[in-house]
Amino acid sequence: MSLTIDEDLMDVPIHTLRYFCVLAEELHFAAAAARLNIAPPSLSQAIARLESTVGEPLFERTSRAVQLTEAGEALLPHARRAVEAHRDVIDWIGARHSTPAPVLRIGVVAAGAGP
């Protein structure tokens, strides 16, 4: 028996999970956006798309605070592992393609310079 997974659920970009993790750490949209070097509206839109994919809010937003919901708390360890695994893949690829710096050797022959 095979499970059918909705294609929308398969399309969760790694950068969105990274945004989610940073916002979960900062609990402030402007601070998280600054840390991510993106505009706050871009962060807000990415989180809204993730919440739409999940099907429920991941953050409670008030005029004074941002807090993780129960669903956000449950997602956070999975998102962190995914972001870490992605970083491991990038590091592995980088190590496979890194070549040691070429060595340049220069020799000098001093003829007639004496003893």
Protein backbone atom coordinates (compact mmCIF):
# COMPACT_ATOMS: atom_id res chain seq x y z
CA MET A 1 0.00 0.00 0.00
CA SER A 2 1.45 3.38 -0.96
CA LEU A 3 0.63 6.69 0.63
CA THR A 4 -0.36 9.58 -1.56
CA ILE A 5 1.09 12.87 -0.44
CA ASP A 6 -0.38 16.11 -1.70
CA GLU A 7 2.17 17.88 -3.91
CA ASP A 8 1.63 21.12 -1.97
CA LEU A 9 2.93 19.40 1.14
CA MET A 10 6.04 18.36 -0.72
CA ASP A 11 6.83 21.95 -1.67
CA VAL A 12 8.23 23.41 1.55
CA PRO A 13 11.39 25.28 0.58
CA ILE A 14 14.32 24.95 2.95
CA HIS A 15 14.62 28.72 3.22
CA THR A 16 11.06 28.82 4.56
CA LEU A 17 11.98 26.34 7.28
CA ARG A 18 15.05 28.44 8.07
CA TYR A 19 12.85 31.54 8.31
CA PHE A 20 10.50 29.65 10.64
CA CYS A 21 13.40 28.60 12.91
CA VAL A 22 14.84 32.10 13.12
CA LEU A 23 11.43 33.61 13.88
CA ALA A 24 10.87 30.95 16.55
CA GLU A 25 14.18 32.01 18.14
CA GLU A 26 13.63 35.77 17.86
CA LEU A 27 9.85 35.86 18.41
CA HIS A 28 9.88 39.24 16.68
CA PHE A 29 9.27 39.69 12.95
CA ALA A 30 11.51 42.74 12.47
CA ALA A 31 14.40 41.21 14.42
CA ALA A 32 14.10 37.89 12.58
CA ALA A 33 13.91 39.65 9.21
CA ALA A 34 16.99 41.71 10.04
CA ARG A 35 18.88 38.57 11.04
CA LEU A 36 17.83 36.90 7.79
CA ASN A 37 18.63 40.02 5.72
CA ILE A 38 15.13 40.14 4.25
CA ALA A 39 12.26 42.60 4.51
CA PRO A 40 9.70 41.95 7.27
CA PRO A 41 6.82 41.65 4.77
CA SER A 42 8.74 38.91 2.92
CA LEU A 43 9.18 37.02 6.18
CA SER A 44 5.52 37.47 7.06
CA GLN A 45 4.43 36.18 3.63
CA ALA A 46 6.73 33.14 3.84
CA ILE A 47 5.40 32.25 7.30
CA ALA A 48 1.81 32.73 6.09
CA ARG A 49 2.47 30.32 3.18
CA LEU A 50 3.98 27.78 5.59
CA GLU A 51 0.99 28.11 7.91
CA SER A 52 -1.30 27.61 4.91
CA THR A 53 0.60 24.46 3.96
CA VAL A 54 0.48 23.15 7.54
CA GLY A 55 -3.18 24.08 7.78
CA GLU A 56 -3.00 25.91 11.09
CA PRO A 57 -1.23 28.87 12.71
CA LEU A 58 2.34 28.33 13.85
CA PHE A 59 2.58 31.66 15.68
CA GLU A 60 0.19 33.68 17.79
CA ARG A 61 0.58 37.32 16.86
CA THR A 62 -0.55 40.19 19.03
CA SER A 63 0.37 43.85 18.91
CA ARG A 64 2.82 43.20 21.74
CA ALA A 65 4.23 39.72 21.16
CA VAL A 66 4.77 36.75 18.88
CA GLN A 67 4.54 33.28 20.43
CA LEU A 68 4.71 29.76 19.02
CA THR A 69 1.44 27.87 18.95
CA GLU A 70 1.25 24.20 19.91
CA ALA A 71 1.67 23.33 16.22
CA GLY A 72 4.68 25.65 15.99
CA GLU A 73 6.28 24.00 19.02
CA ALA A 74 5.70 20.59 17.45
CA LEU A 75 7.15 21.63 14.08
CA LEU A 76 10.25 23.37 15.46
CA PRO A 77 12.45 20.32 16.20
CA HIS A 78 11.63 18.83 12.77
CA ALA A 79 12.38 22.12 11.02
CA ARG A 80 15.68 22.48 12.90
CA ARG A 81 16.74 18.96 11.89
CA ALA A 82 15.82 19.67 8.27
CA VAL A 83 17.82 22.92 8.24
CA GLU A 84 20.80 21.19 9.87
CA ALA A 85 20.60 18.29 7.41
CA HIS A 86 20.48 20.75 4.52
CA ARG A 87 23.57 22.50 5.90
CA ASP A 88 25.31 19.09 6.14
CA VAL A 89 24.50 18.43 2.47
CA ILE A 90 25.85 21.83 1.43
CA ASP A 91 29.02 21.27 3.48
CA TRP A 92 29.46 17.79 1.96
CA ILE A 93 29.07 19.15 -1.56
CA GLY A 94 31.53 21.94 -0.80
CA ALA A 95 34.07 19.46 0.54
CA ARG A 96 33.72 17.30 -2.57
CA HIS A 97 34.41 20.23 -4.85
CA SER A 98 37.08 21.97 -2.87
CA THR A 99 40.54 21.51 -4.19
CA PRO A 100 43.65 22.38 -2.28
CA ALA A 101 45.26 25.61 -3.33
CA PRO A 102 47.96 25.02 -5.91
CA VAL A 103 51.48 25.21 -4.61
CA LEU A 104 53.93 27.50 -6.36
CA ARG A 105 57.57 26.68 -5.78
CA ILE A 106 60.29 29.03 -6.88
CA GLY A 107 63.89 27.98 -7.00
CA VAL A 108 66.89 30.26 -7.35
CA VAL A 109 70.32 29.21 -8.44
CA ALA A 110 73.00 31.60 -7.25
CA ALA A 111 75.92 30.81 -9.55
CA GLY A 112 79.22 32.35 -8.58
CA ALA A 113 77.94 33.64 -5.26
CA GLY A 114 80.76 32.07 -3.33
CA PRO A 115 80.77 29.54 -0.50
